Amino acid sequence: MHCKNVMPPICHPTQCCYNHCYGETVVPHIHPQHTTNINHQHFQHVHYFPQTQSTVGQTTHQHFVSPGPGPGIGY
């Protein structure tokens, strides 16, 4: 009989993510393996990555000093 226990989730701090573009190089790694079957308790750590997004709006202003009389001033 196989019993599976589920523990309460562990919530980690929000991680800020950035998108970067890179080239790709494949480096083969060969890992020989030998299997020995052992009875043991296995913990399944399930990681969730909820994604949030934000939008920033920017507004700029410029002010100029007029070299002459202002509009509507008759000289």
PDB file of N, CA and C in Angstrom:
ATOM      1  N   MET A   1       0.838  -1.180   0.000  1.00  0.00           N
ATOM      2  CA  MET A   1       0.000   0.000   0.000  1.00  0.00           C
ATOM      3  C   MET A   1       0.882   1.241   0.000  1.00  0.00           C
ATOM      4  N   HIS A   2       0.509   2.230  -0.772  1.00  0.00           N
ATOM      5  CA  HIS A   2       1.299   3.460  -0.912  1.00  0.00           C
ATOM      6  C   HIS A   2       0.514   4.620  -0.319  1.00  0.00           C
ATOM      7  N   CYS A   3       1.084   5.279   0.690  1.00  0.00           N
ATOM      8  CA  CYS A   3       0.436   6.442   1.304  1.00  0.00           C
ATOM      9  C   CYS A   3       1.170   7.702   0.872  1.00  0.00           C
ATOM     10  N   LYS A   4       0.411   8.724   0.498  1.00  0.00           N
ATOM     11  CA  LYS A   4       1.007   9.985   0.052  1.00  0.00           C
ATOM     12  C   LYS A   4       0.511  11.105   0.949  1.00  0.00           C
ATOM     13  N   ASN A   5       1.430  11.767   1.632  1.00  0.00           N
ATOM     14  CA  ASN A   5       1.086  12.896   2.491  1.00  0.00           C
ATOM     15  C   ASN A   5       1.381  14.189   1.749  1.00  0.00           C
ATOM     16  N   VAL A   6       0.533  15.191   1.907  1.00  0.00           N
ATOM     17  CA  VAL A   6       0.738  16.503   1.297  1.00  0.00           C
ATOM     18  C   VAL A   6       0.949  17.510   2.420  1.00  0.00           C
ATOM     19  N   MET A   7       2.102  18.166   2.391  1.00  0.00           N
ATOM     20  CA  MET A   7       2.422  19.147   3.420  1.00  0.00           C
ATOM     21  C   MET A   7       1.895  20.512   3.016  1.00  0.00           C
ATOM     22  N   PRO A   8       1.767  21.457   3.963  1.00  0.00           N
ATOM     23  CA  PRO A   8       1.327  22.822   3.619  1.00  0.00           C
ATOM     24  C   PRO A   8       2.342  23.488   2.695  1.00  0.00           C
ATOM     25  N   PRO A   9       1.897  24.394   1.802  1.00  0.00           N
ATOM     26  CA  PRO A   9       2.826  25.044   0.868  1.00  0.00           C
ATOM     27  C   PRO A   9       3.779  25.994   1.583  1.00  0.00           C
ATOM     28  N   ILE A  10       4.962  26.134   1.020  1.00  0.00           N
ATOM     29  CA  ILE A  10       5.947  27.108   1.493  1.00  0.00           C
ATOM     30  C   ILE A  10       5.959  28.233   0.475  1.00  0.00           C
ATOM     31  N   CYS A  11       5.602  29.456   0.888  1.00  0.00           N
ATOM     32  CA  CYS A  11       5.522  30.588  -0.038  1.00  0.00           C
ATOM     33  C   CYS A  11       6.833  31.374   0.022  1.00  0.00           C
ATOM     34  N   HIS A  12       7.511  31.488  -1.098  1.00  0.00           N
ATOM     35  CA  HIS A  12       8.781  32.205  -1.192  1.00  0.00           C
ATOM     36  C   HIS A  12       8.526  33.651  -1.625  1.00  0.00           C
ATOM     37  N   PRO A  13       9.466  34.583  -1.366  1.00  0.00           N
ATOM     38  CA  PRO A  13       9.286  35.979  -1.780  1.00  0.00           C
ATOM     39  C   PRO A  13       9.178  36.098  -3.307  1.00  0.00           C
ATOM     40  N   THR A  14       8.491  37.151  -3.773  1.00  0.00           N
ATOM     41  CA  THR A  14       8.334  37.388  -5.206  1.00  0.00           C
ATOM     42  C   THR A  14       9.698  37.619  -5.840  1.00  0.00           C
ATOM     43  N   GLN A  15       9.919  36.982  -6.954  1.00  0.00           N
ATOM     44  CA  GLN A  15      11.179  37.130  -7.669  1.00  0.00           C
ATOM     45  C   GLN A  15      10.939  38.022  -8.887  1.00  0.00           C
ATOM     46  N   CYS A  16      11.763  39.080  -9.046  1.00  0.00           N
ATOM     47  CA  CYS A  16      11.652  39.953 -10.209  1.00  0.00           C
ATOM     48  C   CYS A  16      12.354  39.288 -11.383  1.00  0.00           C
ATOM     49  N   CYS A  17      11.711  39.298 -12.524  1.00  0.00           N
ATOM     50  CA  CYS A  17      12.247  38.624 -13.707  1.00  0.00           C
ATOM     51  C   CYS A  17      12.505  39.636 -14.816  1.00  0.00           C
ATOM     52  N   TYR A  18      13.548  39.398 -15.594  1.00  0.00           N
ATOM     53  CA  TYR A  18      13.893  40.228 -16.733  1.00  0.00           C
ATOM     54  C   TYR A  18      14.093  39.322 -17.937  1.00  0.00           C
ATOM     55  N   ASN A  19      13.707  39.797 -19.112  1.00  0.00           N
ATOM     56  CA  ASN A  19      13.894  39.024 -20.335  1.00  0.00           C
ATOM     57  C   ASN A  19      15.197  39.442 -21.006  1.00  0.00           C
ATOM     58  N   HIS A  20      16.063  38.478 -21.266  1.00  0.00           N
ATOM     59  CA  HIS A  20      17.324  38.705 -21.965  1.00  0.00           C
ATOM     60  C   HIS A  20      17.401  37.715 -23.125  1.00  0.00           C
ATOM     61  N   CYS A  21      18.026  38.116 -24.219  1.00  0.00           N
ATOM     62  CA  CYS A  21      18.186  37.230 -25.377  1.00  0.00           C
ATOM     63  C   CYS A  21      19.663  36.840 -25.490  1.00  0.00           C
ATOM     64  N   TYR A  22      19.931  35.569 -25.669  1.00  0.00           N
ATOM     65  CA  TYR A  22      21.294  35.062 -25.762  1.00  0.00           C
ATOM     66  C   TYR A  22      21.376  34.039 -26.892  1.00  0.00           C
ATOM     67  N   GLY A  23      22.592  33.813 -27.370  1.00  0.00           N
ATOM     68  CA  GLY A  23      22.828  32.727 -28.320  1.00  0.00           C
ATOM     69  C   GLY A  23      22.849  31.404 -27.565  1.00  0.00           C
ATOM     70  N   GLU A  24      22.806  30.318 -28.288  1.00  0.00           N
ATOM     71  CA  GLU A  24      22.743  29.012 -27.653  1.00  0.00           C
ATOM     72  C   GLU A  24      23.849  28.113 -28.177  1.00  0.00           C
ATOM     73  N   THR A  25      24.547  27.462 -27.271  1.00  0.00           N
ATOM     74  CA  THR A  25      25.569  26.486 -27.612  1.00  0.00           C
ATOM     75  C   THR A  25      25.245  25.203 -26.863  1.00  0.00           C
ATOM     76  N   VAL A  26      25.213  24.085 -27.563  1.00  0.00           N
ATOM     77  CA  VAL A  26      24.903  22.803 -26.948  1.00  0.00           C
ATOM     78  C   VAL A  26      26.205  22.127 -26.535  1.00  0.00           C
ATOM     79  N   VAL A  27      26.323  21.801 -25.265  1.00  0.00           N
ATOM     80  CA  VAL A  27      27.484  21.085 -24.739  1.00  0.00           C
ATOM     81  C   VAL A  27      26.979  19.749 -24.202  1.00  0.00           C
ATOM     82  N   PRO A  28      27.256  18.645 -24.911  1.00  0.00           N
ATOM     83  CA  PRO A  28      26.773  17.347 -24.431  1.00  0.00           C
ATOM     84  C   PRO A  28      27.500  16.927 -23.150  1.00  0.00           C
ATOM     85  N   HIS A  29      26.746  16.461 -22.173  1.00  0.00           N
ATOM     86  CA  HIS A  29      27.297  15.909 -20.940  1.00  0.00           C
ATOM     87  C   HIS A  29      26.774  14.481 -20.807  1.00  0.00           C
ATOM     88  N   ILE A  30      27.667  13.534 -20.679  1.00  0.00           N
ATOM     89  CA  ILE A  30      27.273  12.131 -20.548  1.00  0.00           C
ATOM     90  C   ILE A  30      27.428  11.749 -19.081  1.00  0.00           C
ATOM     91  N   HIS A  31      26.352  11.279 -18.491  1.00  0.00           N
ATOM     92  CA  HIS A  31      26.345  10.901 -17.089  1.00  0.00           C
ATOM     93  C   HIS A  31      25.987   9.417 -16.973  1.00  0.00           C
ATOM     94  N   PRO A  32      26.978   8.539 -16.929  1.00  0.00           N
ATOM     95  CA  PRO A  32      26.656   7.116 -16.729  1.00  0.00           C
ATOM     96  C   PRO A  32      25.965   6.929 -15.383  1.00  0.00           C
ATOM     97  N   GLN A  33      25.112   5.940 -15.294  1.00  0.00           N
ATOM     98  CA  GLN A  33      24.387   5.778 -14.048  1.00  0.00           C
ATOM     99  C   GLN A  33      24.196   4.304 -13.736  1.00  0.00           C
ATOM    100  N   HIS A  34      24.134   4.042 -12.457  1.00  0.00           N
ATOM    101  CA  HIS A  34      23.822   2.711 -11.939  1.00  0.00           C
ATOM    102  C   HIS A  34      22.629   2.869 -11.012  1.00  0.00           C
ATOM    103  N   THR A  35      21.649   1.993 -11.100  1.00  0.00           N
ATOM    104  CA  THR A  35      20.439   2.098 -10.296  1.00  0.00           C
ATOM    105  C   THR A  35      20.400   1.006  -9.242  1.00  0.00           C
ATOM    106  N   THR A  36      20.211   1.420  -7.984  1.00  0.00           N
ATOM    107  CA  THR A  36      19.968   0.503  -6.878  1.00  0.00           C
ATOM    108  C   THR A  36      18.590   0.849  -6.325  1.00  0.00           C
ATOM    109  N   ASN A  37      17.697  -0.115  -6.249  1.00  0.00           N
ATOM    110  CA  ASN A  37      16.343   0.131  -5.755  1.00  0.00           C
ATOM    111  C   ASN A  37      16.326   0.080  -4.236  1.00  0.00           C
ATOM    112  N   ILE A  38      15.874   1.174  -3.598  1.00  0.00           N
ATOM    113  CA  ILE A  38      15.840   1.318  -2.152  1.00  0.00           C
ATOM    114  C   ILE A  38      14.458   1.825  -1.764  1.00  0.00           C
ATOM    115  N   ASN A  39      13.867   1.269  -0.719  1.00  0.00           N
ATOM    116  CA  ASN A  39      12.589   1.771  -0.194  1.00  0.00           C
ATOM    117  C   ASN A  39      12.873   2.994   0.666  1.00  0.00           C
ATOM    118  N   HIS A  40      12.172   4.103   0.382  1.00  0.00           N
ATOM    119  CA  HIS A  40      12.408   5.343   1.116  1.00  0.00           C
ATOM    120  C   HIS A  40      11.181   6.251   1.026  1.00  0.00           C
ATOM    121  N   GLN A  41      11.162   7.270   1.891  1.00  0.00           N
ATOM    122  CA  GLN A  41      10.121   8.303   1.843  1.00  0.00           C
ATOM    123  C   GLN A  41      10.581   9.396   0.898  1.00  0.00           C
ATOM    124  N   HIS A  42       9.712   9.812  -0.003  1.00  0.00           N
ATOM    125  CA  HIS A  42      10.063  10.820  -1.011  1.00  0.00           C
ATOM    126  C   HIS A  42       9.211  12.070  -0.791  1.00  0.00           C
ATOM    127  N   PHE A  43       9.858  13.223  -0.624  1.00  0.00           N
ATOM    128  CA  PHE A  43       9.157  14.506  -0.500  1.00  0.00           C
ATOM    129  C   PHE A  43       9.088  15.147  -1.870  1.00  0.00           C
ATOM    130  N   GLN A  44       7.909  15.530  -2.293  1.00  0.00           N
ATOM    131  CA  GLN A  44       7.744  16.226  -3.567  1.00  0.00           C
ATOM    132  C   GLN A  44       7.591  17.710  -3.280  1.00  0.00           C
ATOM    133  N   HIS A  45       8.630  18.479  -3.565  1.00  0.00           N
ATOM    134  CA  HIS A  45       8.589  19.928  -3.393  1.00  0.00           C
ATOM    135  C   HIS A  45       8.049  20.527  -4.684  1.00  0.00           C
ATOM    136  N   VAL A  46       6.823  20.988  -4.641  1.00  0.00           N
ATOM    137  CA  VAL A  46       6.177  21.551  -5.828  1.00  0.00           C
ATOM    138  C   VAL A  46       6.335  23.060  -5.763  1.00  0.00           C
ATOM    139  N   HIS A  47       7.016  23.640  -6.729  1.00  0.00           N
ATOM    140  CA  HIS A  47       7.265  25.081  -6.770  1.00  0.00           C
ATOM    141  C   HIS A  47       6.279  25.738  -7.735  1.00  0.00           C
ATOM    142  N   TYR A  48       5.665  26.807  -7.280  1.00  0.00           N
ATOM    143  CA  TYR A  48       4.741  27.569  -8.107  1.00  0.00           C
ATOM    144  C   TYR A  48       5.342  28.944  -8.346  1.00  0.00           C
ATOM    145  N   PHE A  49       5.143  29.486  -9.503  1.00  0.00           N
ATOM    146  CA  PHE A  49       5.703  30.781  -9.865  1.00  0.00           C
ATOM    147  C   PHE A  49       4.607  31.699 -10.396  1.00  0.00           C
ATOM    148  N   PRO A  50       3.779  32.255  -9.498  1.00  0.00           N
ATOM    149  CA  PRO A  50       2.752  33.181  -9.973  1.00  0.00           C
ATOM    150  C   PRO A  50       3.410  34.415 -10.587  1.00  0.00           C
ATOM    151  N   GLN A  51       2.869  34.881 -11.694  1.00  0.00           N
ATOM    152  CA  GLN A  51       3.468  35.978 -12.454  1.00  0.00           C
ATOM    153  C   GLN A  51       2.617  37.230 -12.329  1.00  0.00           C
ATOM    154  N   THR A  52       3.243  38.336 -11.984  1.00  0.00           N
ATOM    155  CA  THR A  52       2.558  39.622 -11.997  1.00  0.00           C
ATOM    156  C   THR A  52       3.269  40.538 -12.969  1.00  0.00           C
ATOM    157  N   GLN A  53       2.550  41.539 -13.483  1.00  0.00           N
ATOM    158  CA  GLN A  53       3.130  42.497 -14.408  1.00  0.00           C
ATOM    159  C   GLN A  53       2.719  43.897 -13.988  1.00  0.00           C
ATOM    160  N   SER A  54       3.518  44.866 -14.337  1.00  0.00           N
ATOM    161  CA  SER A  54       3.164  46.251 -14.065  1.00  0.00           C
ATOM    162  C   SER A  54       3.449  47.091 -15.306  1.00  0.00           C
ATOM    163  N   THR A  55       2.766  48.226 -15.402  1.00  0.00           N
ATOM    164  CA  THR A  55       2.941  49.146 -16.524  1.00  0.00           C
ATOM    165  C   THR A  55       3.249  50.519 -15.957  1.00  0.00           C
ATOM    166  N   VAL A  56       4.218  51.183 -16.545  1.00  0.00           N
ATOM    167  CA  VAL A  56       4.621  52.511 -16.100  1.00  0.00           C
ATOM    168  C   VAL A  56       4.366  53.489 -17.234  1.00  0.00           C
ATOM    169  N   GLY A  57       3.683  54.602 -16.952  1.00  0.00           N
ATOM    170  CA  GLY A  57       3.466  55.650 -17.950  1.00  0.00           C
ATOM    171  C   GLY A  57       4.344  56.847 -17.625  1.00  0.00           C
ATOM    172  N   GLN A  58       5.001  57.409 -18.613  1.00  0.00           N
ATOM    173  CA  GLN A  58       5.871  58.562 -18.405  1.00  0.00           C
ATOM    174  C   GLN A  58       5.342  59.752 -19.177  1.00  0.00           C
ATOM    175  N   THR A  59       5.411  60.928 -18.548  1.00  0.00           N
ATOM    176  CA  THR A  59       5.036  62.181 -19.191  1.00  0.00           C
ATOM    177  C   THR A  59       6.185  63.154 -18.993  1.00  0.00           C
ATOM    178  N   THR A  60       6.543  63.903 -20.059  1.00  0.00           N
ATOM    179  CA  THR A  60       7.609  64.891 -19.948  1.00  0.00           C
ATOM    180  C   THR A  60       7.062  66.264 -20.302  1.00  0.00           C
ATOM    181  N   HIS A  61       7.682  67.312 -19.752  1.00  0.00           N
ATOM    182  CA  HIS A  61       7.283  68.692 -20.013  1.00  0.00           C
ATOM    183  C   HIS A  61       8.530  69.514 -20.307  1.00  0.00           C
ATOM    184  N   GLN A  62       8.376  70.524 -21.187  1.00  0.00           N
ATOM    185  CA  GLN A  62       9.441  71.484 -21.437  1.00  0.00           C
ATOM    186  C   GLN A  62       8.851  72.880 -21.297  1.00  0.00           C
ATOM    187  N   HIS A  63       9.594  73.786 -20.675  1.00  0.00           N
ATOM    188  CA  HIS A  63       9.178  75.171 -20.522  1.00  0.00           C
ATOM    189  C   HIS A  63      10.202  76.051 -21.229  1.00  0.00           C
ATOM    190  N   PHE A  64       9.703  77.051 -21.985  1.00  0.00           N
ATOM    191  CA  PHE A  64      10.577  77.949 -22.738  1.00  0.00           C
ATOM    192  C   PHE A  64      10.297  79.391 -22.329  1.00  0.00           C
ATOM    193  N   VAL A  65      11.301  80.254 -22.374  1.00  0.00           N
ATOM    194  CA  VAL A  65      11.140  81.682 -22.109  1.00  0.00           C
ATOM    195  C   VAL A  65      11.096  82.389 -23.450  1.00  0.00           C
ATOM    196  N   SER A  66      10.001  83.129 -23.694  1.00  0.00           N
ATOM    197  CA  SER A  66       9.824  83.838 -24.961  1.00  0.00           C
ATOM    198  C   SER A  66      10.746  85.065 -25.017  1.00  0.00           C
ATOM    199  N   PRO A  67      11.383  85.339 -26.175  1.00  0.00           N
ATOM    200  CA  PRO A  67      12.281  86.486 -26.276  1.00  0.00           C
ATOM    201  C   PRO A  67      11.542  87.821 -26.428  1.00  0.00           C
ATOM    202  N   GLY A  68      10.237  87.816 -26.706  1.00  0.00           N
ATOM    203  CA  GLY A  68       9.503  89.050 -26.933  1.00  0.00           C
ATOM    204  C   GLY A  68       8.259  89.131 -26.085  1.00  0.00           C
ATOM    205  N   PRO A  69       7.379  90.104 -26.424  1.00  0.00           N
ATOM    206  CA  PRO A  69       6.116  90.244 -25.674  1.00  0.00           C
ATOM    207  C   PRO A  69       5.264  88.997 -25.834  1.00  0.00           C
ATOM    208  N   GLY A  70       4.448  88.736 -24.828  1.00  0.00           N
ATOM    209  CA  GLY A  70       3.580  87.564 -24.870  1.00  0.00           C
ATOM    210  C   GLY A  70       2.421  87.745 -25.817  1.00  0.00           C
ATOM    211  N   PRO A  71       1.694  86.682 -26.111  1.00  0.00           N
ATOM    212  CA  PRO A  71       0.557  86.757 -27.010  1.00  0.00           C
ATOM    213  C   PRO A  71      -0.545  87.659 -26.435  1.00  0.00           C
ATOM    214  N   GLY A  72      -1.167  88.471 -27.286  1.00  0.00           N
ATOM    215  CA  GLY A  72      -2.254  89.350 -26.871  1.00  0.00           C
ATOM    216  C   GLY A  72      -1.777  90.658 -26.256  1.00  0.00           C
ATOM    217  N   ILE A  73      -0.468  90.878 -26.151  1.00  0.00           N
ATOM    218  CA  ILE A  73       0.040  92.128 -25.610  1.00  0.00           C
ATOM    219  C   ILE A  73       0.471  93.006 -26.789  1.00  0.00           C
ATOM    220  N   GLY A  74      -0.201  94.091 -26.989  1.00  0.00           N
ATOM    221  CA  GLY A  74       0.124  94.963 -28.135  1.00  0.00           C
ATOM    222  C   GLY A  74       1.099  96.060 -27.761  1.00  0.00           C
ATOM    223  N   TYR A  75       2.284  96.005 -28.299  1.00  0.00           N
ATOM    224  CA  TYR A  75       3.283  97.061 -28.065  1.00  0.00           C
ATOM    225  C   TYR A  75       3.571  97.773 -29.355  1.00  0.00           C
TER     226      TYR A  75
END
